[in-house]
Amino acid sequence: MKTALVIMAAGLGSRFGGGIKQLEPVGPNGEIIMDYSVYDAVCAGFDKIVFVIRRDIEAAFRQAIGHRIEAVCAARGVEVAYAYQSLEDVPAGFSVPEGRTKPWGTGQAVLAAKAVLDGPFAVINADDYYGKEAFRRFHRFLTQEVGPGKYCMAGFVLKNTLSENGGVTRGLCQVDEQGYLTDVVETRDILSTPEGPRVGGAAIDPASIVSMNMWGLDAHFLQILEEGFRTFFQTQVAREPLTAEYLLPIYMGGLLREGKVSVKVLPTNDKWFGFTYREDKPMVVENFRRLIESGAYREKLFG
C-alpha cells in the first residue's frame, strides 16, 4: 500500500492577478513550488504523487510540470496519478445552482482523488512551500500511526506564515496539552503589521498555531468526507447557493467538535512561504535562493 501525496492544484488564483500561480517559476532552472514539494515528499519516503487539477488547465499543467515530474518519479519508482476537480461533480440528486461559477473548495478537491487513493495520504496546497521537516514527520505518522479516525495536521507558527502584501486566510488552531487539535477556525484577512498580526484591528498572538492545509489522512476519511459533502449541499448550498464552500479545515473542525476524529498536531518550525499575491513572487524566489545557498537543495533540483 503506497503512501501518497495529494497536491491540490485546481485553484483559480483570483487574487494572483491573472495567470496560473501554481505554475510560476521560482527556482534557478524554472522550478515551481510543486517541484520542491514533490522533491521533499519523495526524499521523505512518499511513493505516490496525485495532482488534483482542472481539465481546463491540464495542458498547461502537464507542459509545465506533469511530464517532467512523471519522468523524475518513474526513475525513482514513484507513481504519478491525476484527479480532476469539477464544478459539475456534485452529490447524486443535486445539481449546480444557476449562476454558480465558484469551485466547491478544498474538501471537494480531496474527494476528487478518491478513485486513485486506497491508503494513507497527505494533502497540501500547490502554491505553498511547507519545508522538509513536515514531510518527514508526516511520512512517519502515515506509516506508523494513521488509522480510521486518527489523523494529523502540520502546525505552523502564525508569524512564519504571513504575507507583507496583504491579508491572508489561516486556520487558527486550538491544541490541547497532549498535542491534539481541539478546534480550527478559518480566519480571513489576517494582516502583518509593525505591531504584530491583526484581524479587524484586533491583535493575534504571533506564536499561535495555524493550519496551512497540510493534513495526514487515510482512505476511510474519504467516506466521511463524501457524507459531509452531501450534508453540505443540503444545508449550506441551500442557504448560499452561489458562495458556499466545502473547506477542509472547517469540516475537520466540525468533526473534532463532534468527537468523530482525533488530529495530532505535528509542529514545524520551518518558515512557510507561497503565493497569495503576485507581489509575493520576489520573496518566494529569494527564499529559494537562500535555501539553495544553505545546501538544503541543489541548484539543479533533481540532479
C-alpha atoms as a PDB file:
ATOM      1  CA  MET A   1       0.000   0.000   0.000  1.00  0.00           C
ATOM      2  CA  LYS A   2       1.553   3.266  -1.124  1.00  0.00           C
ATOM      3  CA  THR A   3       1.879   6.477   0.864  1.00  0.00           C
ATOM      4  CA  ALA A   4       0.519   9.239  -1.364  1.00  0.00           C
ATOM      5  CA  LEU A   5       0.930  12.984  -1.533  1.00  0.00           C
ATOM      6  CA  VAL A   6      -2.182  14.738  -2.829  1.00  0.00           C
ATOM      7  CA  ILE A   7      -1.392  18.174  -4.272  1.00  0.00           C
ATOM      8  CA  MET A   8      -4.418  20.455  -4.672  1.00  0.00           C
ATOM      9  CA  ALA A   9      -3.631  22.460  -7.812  1.00  0.00           C
ATOM     10  CA  ALA A  10      -7.091  23.333  -9.127  1.00  0.00           C
ATOM     11  CA  GLY A  11      -7.377  26.809  -7.572  1.00  0.00           C
ATOM     12  CA  LEU A  12      -8.307  29.697  -9.809  1.00  0.00           C
ATOM     13  CA  GLY A  13      -5.822  32.089  -8.230  1.00  0.00           C
ATOM     14  CA  SER A  14      -8.194  35.052  -8.447  1.00  0.00           C
ATOM     15  CA  ARG A  15      -6.090  37.211  -6.095  1.00  0.00           C
ATOM     16  CA  PHE A  16      -2.945  36.438  -8.039  1.00  0.00           C
ATOM     17  CA  GLY A  17      -3.781  38.995 -10.734  1.00  0.00           C
ATOM     18  CA  GLY A  18      -4.233  36.634 -13.680  1.00  0.00           C
ATOM     19  CA  GLY A  19      -2.386  33.569 -14.898  1.00  0.00           C
ATOM     20  CA  ILE A  20      -1.946  30.277 -13.103  1.00  0.00           C
ATOM     21  CA  LYS A  21       0.012  30.971  -9.941  1.00  0.00           C
ATOM     22  CA  GLN A  22       0.805  27.304  -9.308  1.00  0.00           C
ATOM     23  CA  LEU A  23       2.923  27.345 -12.490  1.00  0.00           C
ATOM     24  CA  GLU A  24       5.026  30.441 -11.733  1.00  0.00           C
ATOM     25  CA  PRO A  25       8.767  29.658 -11.914  1.00  0.00           C
ATOM     26  CA  VAL A  26      10.618  30.378  -8.651  1.00  0.00           C
ATOM     27  CA  GLY A  27      13.819  28.298  -8.876  1.00  0.00           C
ATOM     28  CA  PRO A  28      17.045  28.977 -10.799  1.00  0.00           C
ATOM     29  CA  ASN A  29      16.126  26.499 -13.556  1.00  0.00           C
ATOM     30  CA  GLY A  30      12.441  27.347 -13.793  1.00  0.00           C
ATOM     31  CA  GLU A  31      11.342  25.134 -10.899  1.00  0.00           C
ATOM     32  CA  ILE A  32       7.940  25.855  -9.414  1.00  0.00           C
ATOM     33  CA  ILE A  33       6.903  25.388  -5.783  1.00  0.00           C
ATOM     34  CA  MET A  34       5.383  21.993  -6.567  1.00  0.00           C
ATOM     35  CA  ASP A  35       8.779  20.729  -7.734  1.00  0.00           C
ATOM     36  CA  TYR A  36      10.181  21.347  -4.268  1.00  0.00           C
ATOM     37  CA  SER A  37       7.168  19.756  -2.567  1.00  0.00           C
ATOM     38  CA  VAL A  38       7.470  16.638  -4.719  1.00  0.00           C
ATOM     39  CA  TYR A  39      11.220  16.502  -4.092  1.00  0.00           C
ATOM     40  CA  ASP A  40      10.783  16.774  -0.315  1.00  0.00           C
ATOM     41  CA  ALA A  41       7.990  14.182  -0.318  1.00  0.00           C
ATOM     42  CA  VAL A  42       9.975  11.631  -2.348  1.00  0.00           C
ATOM     43  CA  CYS A  43      13.039  12.160  -0.146  1.00  0.00           C
ATOM     44  CA  ALA A  44      10.835  11.585   2.915  1.00  0.00           C
ATOM     45  CA  GLY A  45       9.587   8.254   1.530  1.00  0.00           C
ATOM     46  CA  PHE A  46       6.299   9.026  -0.238  1.00  0.00           C
ATOM     47  CA  ASP A  47       5.882   6.745  -3.235  1.00  0.00           C
ATOM     48  CA  LYS A  48       2.814   8.149  -4.991  1.00  0.00           C
ATOM     49  CA  ILE A  49       2.030  11.697  -6.168  1.00  0.00           C
ATOM     50  CA  VAL A  50      -1.548  12.703  -7.006  1.00  0.00           C
ATOM     51  CA  PHE A  51      -2.188  16.023  -8.745  1.00  0.00           C
ATOM     52  CA  VAL A  52      -5.720  17.397  -8.392  1.00  0.00           C
ATOM     53  CA  ILE A  53      -6.249  19.810 -11.285  1.00  0.00           C
ATOM     54  CA  ARG A  54      -8.988  21.201 -13.529  1.00  0.00           C
ATOM     55  CA  ARG A  55      -9.475  19.957 -17.052  1.00  0.00           C
ATOM     56  CA  ASP A  56      -9.073  23.464 -18.487  1.00  0.00           C
ATOM     57  CA  ILE A  57      -5.538  23.835 -17.095  1.00  0.00           C
ATOM     58  CA  GLU A  58      -4.480  20.273 -17.867  1.00  0.00           C
ATOM     59  CA  ALA A  59      -2.444  21.066 -21.000  1.00  0.00           C
ATOM     60  CA  ALA A  60      -0.543  23.926 -19.335  1.00  0.00           C
ATOM     61  CA  PHE A  61      -0.062  21.866 -16.185  1.00  0.00           C
ATOM     62  CA  ARG A  62       1.359  18.843 -17.964  1.00  0.00           C
ATOM     63  CA  GLN A  63       3.629  21.062 -20.059  1.00  0.00           C
ATOM     64  CA  ALA A  64       4.937  22.979 -17.022  1.00  0.00           C
ATOM     65  CA  ILE A  65       5.337  20.142 -14.530  1.00  0.00           C
ATOM     66  CA  GLY A  66       3.456  16.943 -15.276  1.00  0.00           C
ATOM     67  CA  HIS A  67       5.672  15.398 -17.951  1.00  0.00           C
ATOM     68  CA  ARG A  68       8.854  16.357 -16.102  1.00  0.00           C
ATOM     69  CA  ILE A  69       7.671  15.025 -12.742  1.00  0.00           C
ATOM     70  CA  GLU A  70       6.385  11.822 -14.322  1.00  0.00           C
ATOM     71  CA  ALA A  71       9.862  11.118 -15.701  1.00  0.00           C
ATOM     72  CA  VAL A  72      11.603  12.013 -12.434  1.00  0.00           C
ATOM     73  CA  CYS A  73       9.231   9.868 -10.390  1.00  0.00           C
ATOM     74  CA  ALA A  74       9.371   6.918 -12.789  1.00  0.00           C
ATOM     75  CA  ALA A  75      13.159   6.811 -12.360  1.00  0.00           C
ATOM     76  CA  ARG A  76      12.652   6.547  -8.600  1.00  0.00           C
ATOM     77  CA  GLY A  77       9.793   4.040  -8.593  1.00  0.00           C
ATOM     78  CA  VAL A  78       7.224   6.667  -7.590  1.00  0.00           C
ATOM     79  CA  GLU A  79       3.757   6.549  -9.156  1.00  0.00           C
ATOM     80  CA  VAL A  80       2.086   9.697 -10.537  1.00  0.00           C
ATOM     81  CA  ALA A  81      -1.696   9.986 -10.912  1.00  0.00           C
ATOM     82  CA  TYR A  82      -4.139  12.739 -11.855  1.00  0.00           C
ATOM     83  CA  ALA A  83      -7.575  13.601 -10.496  1.00  0.00           C
ATOM     84  CA  TYR A  84      -9.914  16.293 -11.776  1.00  0.00           C
ATOM     85  CA  GLN A  85     -11.951  18.719  -9.710  1.00  0.00           C
ATOM     86  CA  SER A  86     -15.094  19.934 -11.436  1.00  0.00           C
ATOM     87  CA  LEU A  87     -17.881  22.320 -10.504  1.00  0.00           C
ATOM     88  CA  GLU A  88     -20.325  19.816 -12.006  1.00  0.00           C
ATOM     89  CA  ASP A  89     -19.201  16.957  -9.765  1.00  0.00           C
ATOM     90  CA  VAL A  90     -21.917  17.178  -7.086  1.00  0.00           C
ATOM     91  CA  PRO A  91     -23.667  14.536  -4.922  1.00  0.00           C
ATOM     92  CA  ALA A  92     -26.330  12.387  -6.567  1.00  0.00           C
ATOM     93  CA  GLY A  93     -29.715  14.081  -6.545  1.00  0.00           C
ATOM     94  CA  PHE A  94     -28.267  17.602  -6.595  1.00  0.00           C
ATOM     95  CA  SER A  95     -27.362  19.991  -9.405  1.00  0.00           C
ATOM     96  CA  VAL A  96     -25.147  23.036  -9.800  1.00  0.00           C
ATOM     97  CA  PRO A  97     -27.138  26.150  -8.772  1.00  0.00           C
ATOM     98  CA  GLU A  98     -27.888  28.509 -11.627  1.00  0.00           C
ATOM     99  CA  GLY A  99     -25.251  31.221 -11.817  1.00  0.00           C
ATOM    100  CA  ARG A 100     -22.700  29.316  -9.717  1.00  0.00           C
ATOM    101  CA  THR A 101     -19.119  29.695 -11.020  1.00  0.00           C
ATOM    102  CA  LYS A 102     -17.082  29.383  -7.796  1.00  0.00           C
ATOM    103  CA  PRO A 103     -15.452  25.975  -7.170  1.00  0.00           C
ATOM    104  CA  TRP A 104     -16.686  23.928  -4.207  1.00  0.00           C
ATOM    105  CA  GLY A 105     -13.473  24.172  -2.183  1.00  0.00           C
ATOM    106  CA  THR A 106     -10.681  22.051  -0.752  1.00  0.00           C
ATOM    107  CA  GLY A 107     -12.983  19.367   0.671  1.00  0.00           C
ATOM    108  CA  GLN A 108     -14.240  18.575  -2.812  1.00  0.00           C
ATOM    109  CA  ALA A 109     -10.665  18.725  -4.172  1.00  0.00           C
ATOM    110  CA  VAL A 110      -9.678  15.864  -1.879  1.00  0.00           C
ATOM    111  CA  LEU A 111     -12.820  13.929  -2.796  1.00  0.00           C
ATOM    112  CA  ALA A 112     -11.891  14.260  -6.468  1.00  0.00           C
ATOM    113  CA  ALA A 113      -8.906  11.988  -5.782  1.00  0.00           C
ATOM    114  CA  LYS A 114     -10.984   9.207  -4.208  1.00  0.00           C
ATOM    115  CA  ALA A 115     -10.681   6.885  -7.207  1.00  0.00           C
ATOM    116  CA  VAL A 116      -6.869   6.919  -7.097  1.00  0.00           C
ATOM    117  CA  LEU A 117      -6.394   6.623  -3.316  1.00  0.00           C
ATOM    118  CA  ASP A 118      -6.527   3.363  -1.355  1.00  0.00           C
ATOM    119  CA  GLY A 119      -4.211   4.013   1.574  1.00  0.00           C
ATOM    120  CA  PRO A 120      -2.722   6.746   3.764  1.00  0.00           C
ATOM    121  CA  PHE A 121      -2.088  10.127   2.166  1.00  0.00           C
ATOM    122  CA  ALA A 122      -1.033  13.690   2.889  1.00  0.00           C
ATOM    123  CA  VAL A 123      -2.815  16.730   1.437  1.00  0.00           C
ATOM    124  CA  ILE A 124      -1.120  20.017   0.568  1.00  0.00           C
ATOM    125  CA  ASN A 125      -1.777  23.183  -1.419  1.00  0.00           C
ATOM    126  CA  ALA A 126       0.095  23.501  -4.708  1.00  0.00           C
ATOM    127  CA  ASP A 127       1.234  27.068  -4.120  1.00  0.00           C
ATOM    128  CA  ASP A 128       2.594  26.668  -0.576  1.00  0.00           C
ATOM    129  CA  TYR A 129       6.110  25.674   0.470  1.00  0.00           C
ATOM    130  CA  TYR A 130       5.983  23.596   3.660  1.00  0.00           C
ATOM    131  CA  GLY A 131       9.611  22.650   4.311  1.00  0.00           C
ATOM    132  CA  LYS A 132      11.403  19.325   4.685  1.00  0.00           C
ATOM    133  CA  GLU A 133      10.584  18.749   8.354  1.00  0.00           C
ATOM    134  CA  ALA A 134       6.831  18.485   7.798  1.00  0.00           C
ATOM    135  CA  PHE A 135       7.149  15.819   5.089  1.00  0.00           C
ATOM    136  CA  ARG A 136       9.472  13.671   7.197  1.00  0.00           C
ATOM    137  CA  ARG A 137       7.140  13.837  10.202  1.00  0.00           C
ATOM    138  CA  PHE A 138       4.090  13.139   8.047  1.00  0.00           C
ATOM    139  CA  HIS A 139       5.582  10.078   6.399  1.00  0.00           C
ATOM    140  CA  ARG A 140       6.485   8.659   9.797  1.00  0.00           C
ATOM    141  CA  PHE A 141       2.927   9.254  11.074  1.00  0.00           C
ATOM    142  CA  LEU A 142       1.281   7.813   7.954  1.00  0.00           C
ATOM    143  CA  THR A 143       3.329   4.624   8.131  1.00  0.00           C
ATOM    144  CA  GLN A 144       3.110   4.102  11.894  1.00  0.00           C
ATOM    145  CA  GLU A 145       0.110   5.828  13.462  1.00  0.00           C
ATOM    146  CA  VAL A 146      -2.638   6.723  10.982  1.00  0.00           C
ATOM    147  CA  GLY A 147      -5.896   4.763  11.108  1.00  0.00           C
ATOM    148  CA  PRO A 148      -9.664   5.264  10.875  1.00  0.00           C
ATOM    149  CA  GLY A 149     -10.390   8.466  12.779  1.00  0.00           C
ATOM    150  CA  LYS A 150      -6.696   9.002  13.688  1.00  0.00           C
ATOM    151  CA  TYR A 151      -5.211  11.780  11.586  1.00  0.00           C
ATOM    152  CA  CYS A 152      -2.593  14.524  11.725  1.00  0.00           C
ATOM    153  CA  MET A 153      -2.026  18.144  10.752  1.00  0.00           C
ATOM    154  CA  ALA A 154       1.104  20.242  10.309  1.00  0.00           C
ATOM    155  CA  GLY A 155       1.114  23.044  12.871  1.00  0.00           C
ATOM    156  CA  PHE A 156       2.843  26.215  11.702  1.00  0.00           C
ATOM    157  CA  VAL A 157       3.630  29.290  13.772  1.00  0.00           C
ATOM    158  CA  LEU A 158       1.430  32.183  12.618  1.00  0.00           C
ATOM    159  CA  LYS A 159       4.251  34.730  12.389  1.00  0.00           C
ATOM    160  CA  ASN A 160       6.050  32.401   9.947  1.00  0.00           C
ATOM    161  CA  THR A 161       3.099  32.309   7.540  1.00  0.00           C
ATOM    162  CA  LEU A 162       2.150  35.938   6.864  1.00  0.00           C
ATOM    163  CA  SER A 163       2.411  37.999   3.674  1.00  0.00           C
ATOM    164  CA  GLU A 164       3.740  41.544   3.605  1.00  0.00           C
ATOM    165  CA  ASN A 165       1.497  42.284   0.618  1.00  0.00           C
ATOM    166  CA  GLY A 166      -1.957  41.925   2.149  1.00  0.00           C
ATOM    167  CA  GLY A 167      -4.294  39.870   4.283  1.00  0.00           C
ATOM    168  CA  VAL A 168      -4.206  36.077   4.341  1.00  0.00           C
ATOM    169  CA  THR A 169      -6.585  33.324   5.421  1.00  0.00           C
ATOM    170  CA  ARG A 170      -5.341  30.911   8.066  1.00  0.00           C
ATOM    171  CA  GLY A 171      -6.914  28.188  10.182  1.00  0.00           C
ATOM    172  CA  LEU A 172      -6.328  29.324  13.774  1.00  0.00           C
ATOM    173  CA  CYS A 173      -5.918  26.204  15.901  1.00  0.00           C
ATOM    174  CA  GLN A 174      -6.597  25.225  19.476  1.00  0.00           C
ATOM    175  CA  VAL A 175      -4.308  22.445  20.688  1.00  0.00           C
ATOM    176  CA  ASP A 176      -4.605  20.525  23.972  1.00  0.00           C
ATOM    177  CA  GLU A 177      -1.770  19.602  26.356  1.00  0.00           C
ATOM    178  CA  GLN A 178      -1.287  16.240  24.633  1.00  0.00           C
ATOM    179  CA  GLY A 179      -0.684  17.946  21.280  1.00  0.00           C
ATOM    180  CA  TYR A 180      -4.045  17.149  19.706  1.00  0.00           C
ATOM    181  CA  LEU A 181      -6.178  19.589  17.756  1.00  0.00           C
ATOM    182  CA  THR A 182      -9.415  20.530  19.500  1.00  0.00           C
ATOM    183  CA  ASP A 183     -10.713  23.159  17.075  1.00  0.00           C
ATOM    184  CA  VAL A 184      -9.699  25.043  13.934  1.00  0.00           C
ATOM    185  CA  VAL A 185     -11.315  28.329  12.924  1.00  0.00           C
ATOM    186  CA  GLU A 186     -10.872  29.595   9.370  1.00  0.00           C
ATOM    187  CA  THR A 187      -9.889  33.253   9.832  1.00  0.00           C
ATOM    188  CA  ARG A 188      -9.740  35.663   6.907  1.00  0.00           C
ATOM    189  CA  ASP A 189      -7.758  38.856   6.309  1.00  0.00           C
ATOM    190  CA  ILE A 190      -5.003  38.380   8.878  1.00  0.00           C
ATOM    191  CA  LEU A 191      -2.668  41.319   8.333  1.00  0.00           C
ATOM    192  CA  SER A 192       1.024  41.611   9.122  1.00  0.00           C
ATOM    193  CA  THR A 193       1.600  44.954  10.863  1.00  0.00           C
ATOM    194  CA  PRO A 194       4.563  46.512  12.743  1.00  0.00           C
ATOM    195  CA  GLU A 195       2.668  45.734  15.964  1.00  0.00           C
ATOM    196  CA  GLY A 196       2.128  42.096  15.002  1.00  0.00           C
ATOM    197  CA  PRO A 197      -0.650  40.150  13.235  1.00  0.00           C
ATOM    198  CA  ARG A 198      -4.126  41.641  13.429  1.00  0.00           C
ATOM    199  CA  VAL A 199      -7.668  40.879  12.248  1.00  0.00           C
ATOM    200  CA  GLY A 200     -10.097  43.765  12.007  1.00  0.00           C
ATOM    201  CA  GLY A 201      -7.945  45.821  14.370  1.00  0.00           C
ATOM    202  CA  ALA A 202      -7.702  43.060  16.992  1.00  0.00           C
ATOM    203  CA  ALA A 203      -4.278  41.653  17.856  1.00  0.00           C
ATOM    204  CA  ILE A 204      -3.483  37.941  17.450  1.00  0.00           C
ATOM    205  CA  ASP A 205      -0.709  36.110  19.244  1.00  0.00           C
ATOM    206  CA  PRO A 206       2.106  35.747  16.652  1.00  0.00           C
ATOM    207  CA  ALA A 207       3.010  32.378  18.201  1.00  0.00           C
ATOM    208  CA  SER A 208      -0.470  30.974  17.506  1.00  0.00           C
ATOM    209  CA  ILE A 209      -0.551  27.591  15.777  1.00  0.00           C
ATOM    210  CA  VAL A 210      -2.189  27.699  12.367  1.00  0.00           C
ATOM    211  CA  SER A 211      -3.202  25.179   9.739  1.00  0.00           C
ATOM    212  CA  MET A 212      -1.767  25.628   6.247  1.00  0.00           C
ATOM    213  CA  ASN A 213      -3.968  22.877   4.807  1.00  0.00           C
ATOM    214  CA  MET A 214      -1.436  20.104   5.292  1.00  0.00           C
ATOM    215  CA  TRP A 215      -3.295  17.064   6.598  1.00  0.00           C
ATOM    216  CA  GLY A 216      -2.453  13.394   7.069  1.00  0.00           C
ATOM    217  CA  LEU A 217      -5.444  11.153   6.316  1.00  0.00           C
ATOM    218  CA  ASP A 218      -6.465   7.691   5.114  1.00  0.00           C
ATOM    219  CA  ALA A 219      -8.933   6.121   2.683  1.00  0.00           C
ATOM    220  CA  HIS A 220     -11.560   5.773   5.427  1.00  0.00           C
ATOM    221  CA  PHE A 221     -11.653   9.556   5.764  1.00  0.00           C
ATOM    222  CA  LEU A 222     -12.822   9.845   2.143  1.00  0.00           C
ATOM    223  CA  GLN A 223     -16.072   8.102   3.103  1.00  0.00           C
ATOM    224  CA  ILE A 224     -16.609  10.610   5.921  1.00  0.00           C
ATOM    225  CA  LEU A 225     -15.788  13.483   3.570  1.00  0.00           C
ATOM    226  CA  GLU A 226     -18.251  12.202   0.976  1.00  0.00           C
ATOM    227  CA  GLU A 227     -21.049  12.021   3.546  1.00  0.00           C
ATOM    228  CA  GLY A 228     -20.215  15.548   4.632  1.00  0.00           C
ATOM    229  CA  PHE A 229     -20.367  16.805   1.053  1.00  0.00           C
ATOM    230  CA  ARG A 230     -23.979  15.655   0.786  1.00  0.00           C
ATOM    231  CA  THR A 231     -24.830  17.371   4.083  1.00  0.00           C
ATOM    232  CA  PHE A 232     -23.051  20.492   2.816  1.00  0.00           C
ATOM    233  CA  PHE A 233     -25.425  20.611  -0.172  1.00  0.00           C
ATOM    234  CA  GLN A 234     -28.474  20.016   1.996  1.00  0.00           C
ATOM    235  CA  THR A 235     -27.570  22.871   4.347  1.00  0.00           C
ATOM    236  CA  GLN A 236     -25.013  25.447   3.242  1.00  0.00           C
ATOM    237  CA  VAL A 237     -25.618  25.293  -0.508  1.00  0.00           C
ATOM    238  CA  ALA A 238     -29.344  25.542   0.128  1.00  0.00           C
ATOM    239  CA  ARG A 239     -28.712  28.803   2.034  1.00  0.00           C
ATOM    240  CA  GLU A 240     -25.849  30.238  -0.042  1.00  0.00           C
ATOM    241  CA  PRO A 241     -26.003  28.589  -3.469  1.00  0.00           C
ATOM    242  CA  LEU A 242     -23.511  30.914  -5.164  1.00  0.00           C
ATOM    243  CA  THR A 243     -20.860  31.311  -2.467  1.00  0.00           C
ATOM    244  CA  ALA A 244     -20.855  28.300  -0.092  1.00  0.00           C
ATOM    245  CA  GLU A 245     -17.523  26.435   0.038  1.00  0.00           C
ATOM    246  CA  TYR A 246     -16.741  22.973   1.347  1.00  0.00           C
ATOM    247  CA  LEU A 247     -13.466  23.779   3.081  1.00  0.00           C
ATOM    248  CA  LEU A 248     -11.368  21.023   4.625  1.00  0.00           C
ATOM    249  CA  PRO A 249     -10.350  22.943   7.798  1.00  0.00           C
ATOM    250  CA  ILE A 250     -13.943  23.964   8.541  1.00  0.00           C
ATOM    251  CA  TYR A 251     -15.240  20.437   8.036  1.00  0.00           C
ATOM    252  CA  MET A 252     -12.445  18.993  10.141  1.00  0.00           C
ATOM    253  CA  GLY A 253     -13.280  21.483  12.900  1.00  0.00           C
ATOM    254  CA  GLY A 254     -16.847  20.205  12.908  1.00  0.00           C
ATOM    255  CA  LEU A 255     -15.718  16.577  13.159  1.00  0.00           C
ATOM    256  CA  LEU A 256     -13.466  17.480  16.083  1.00  0.00           C
ATOM    257  CA  ARG A 257     -16.264  19.205  17.964  1.00  0.00           C
ATOM    258  CA  GLU A 258     -18.455  16.129  17.442  1.00  0.00           C
ATOM    259  CA  GLY A 259     -15.683  13.838  18.693  1.00  0.00           C
ATOM    260  CA  LYS A 260     -15.627  11.815  15.466  1.00  0.00           C
ATOM    261  CA  VAL A 261     -11.893  12.088  14.780  1.00  0.00           C
ATOM    262  CA  SER A 262      -8.613  12.855  16.522  1.00  0.00           C
ATOM    263  CA  VAL A 263      -5.962  15.009  14.865  1.00  0.00           C
ATOM    264  CA  LYS A 264      -2.392  15.006  16.141  1.00  0.00           C
ATOM    265  CA  VAL A 265      -0.622  18.318  15.553  1.00  0.00           C
ATOM    266  CA  LEU A 266       2.879  17.818  14.188  1.00  0.00           C
ATOM    267  CA  PRO A 267       4.631  21.114  14.944  1.00  0.00           C
ATOM    268  CA  THR A 268       7.119  22.511  12.460  1.00  0.00           C
ATOM    269  CA  ASN A 269       9.413  25.464  12.832  1.00  0.00           C
ATOM    270  CA  ASP A 270      10.064  25.755   9.100  1.00  0.00           C
ATOM    271  CA  LYS A 271       9.107  29.095   7.611  1.00  0.00           C
ATOM    272  CA  TRP A 272       6.182  28.817   5.238  1.00  0.00           C
ATOM    273  CA  PHE A 273       6.158  30.852   2.077  1.00  0.00           C
ATOM    274  CA  GLY A 274       4.000  30.867  -1.003  1.00  0.00           C
ATOM    275  CA  PHE A 275       1.817  32.818  -3.367  1.00  0.00           C
ATOM    276  CA  THR A 276      -1.202  34.772  -2.266  1.00  0.00           C
ATOM    277  CA  TYR A 277      -0.474  37.909  -4.290  1.00  0.00           C
ATOM    278  CA  ARG A 278       1.668  38.458  -7.375  1.00  0.00           C
ATOM    279  CA  GLU A 279       3.832  40.785  -5.288  1.00  0.00           C
ATOM    280  CA  ASP A 280       4.839  37.743  -3.202  1.00  0.00           C
ATOM    281  CA  LYS A 281       6.922  36.285  -6.044  1.00  0.00           C
ATOM    282  CA  PRO A 282      10.227  38.137  -5.378  1.00  0.00           C
ATOM    283  CA  MET A 283      10.107  36.999  -1.757  1.00  0.00           C
ATOM    284  CA  VAL A 284       9.496  33.392  -2.800  1.00  0.00           C
ATOM    285  CA  VAL A 285      12.343  33.472  -5.332  1.00  0.00           C
ATOM    286  CA  GLU A 286      14.711  34.968  -2.738  1.00  0.00           C
ATOM    287  CA  ASN A 287      13.772  32.344  -0.134  1.00  0.00           C
ATOM    288  CA  PHE A 288      14.556  29.504  -2.515  1.00  0.00           C
ATOM    289  CA  ARG A 289      17.848  31.171  -3.450  1.00  0.00           C
ATOM    290  CA  ARG A 290      18.805  31.214   0.229  1.00  0.00           C
ATOM    291  CA  LEU A 291      17.791  27.581   0.713  1.00  0.00           C
ATOM    292  CA  ILE A 292      19.979  26.573  -2.221  1.00  0.00           C
ATOM    293  CA  GLU A 293      22.891  28.599  -0.869  1.00  0.00           C
ATOM    294  CA  SER A 294      22.486  26.909   2.527  1.00  0.00           C
ATOM    295  CA  GLY A 295      22.709  23.476   0.935  1.00  0.00           C
ATOM    296  CA  ALA A 296      19.089  22.490   1.534  1.00  0.00           C
ATOM    297  CA  TYR A 297      18.607  21.966  -2.221  1.00  0.00           C
ATOM    298  CA  ARG A 298      20.848  21.522  -5.225  1.00  0.00           C
ATOM    299  CA  GLU A 299      20.730  24.251  -7.853  1.00  0.00           C
ATOM    300  CA  LYS A 300      19.534  21.648 -10.341  1.00  0.00           C
ATOM    301  CA  LEU A 301      16.882  20.205  -8.071  1.00  0.00           C
ATOM    302  CA  PHE A 302      16.558  16.637  -9.338  1.00  0.00           C
ATOM    303  CA  GLY A 303      20.205  16.307 -10.374  1.00  0.00           C
END
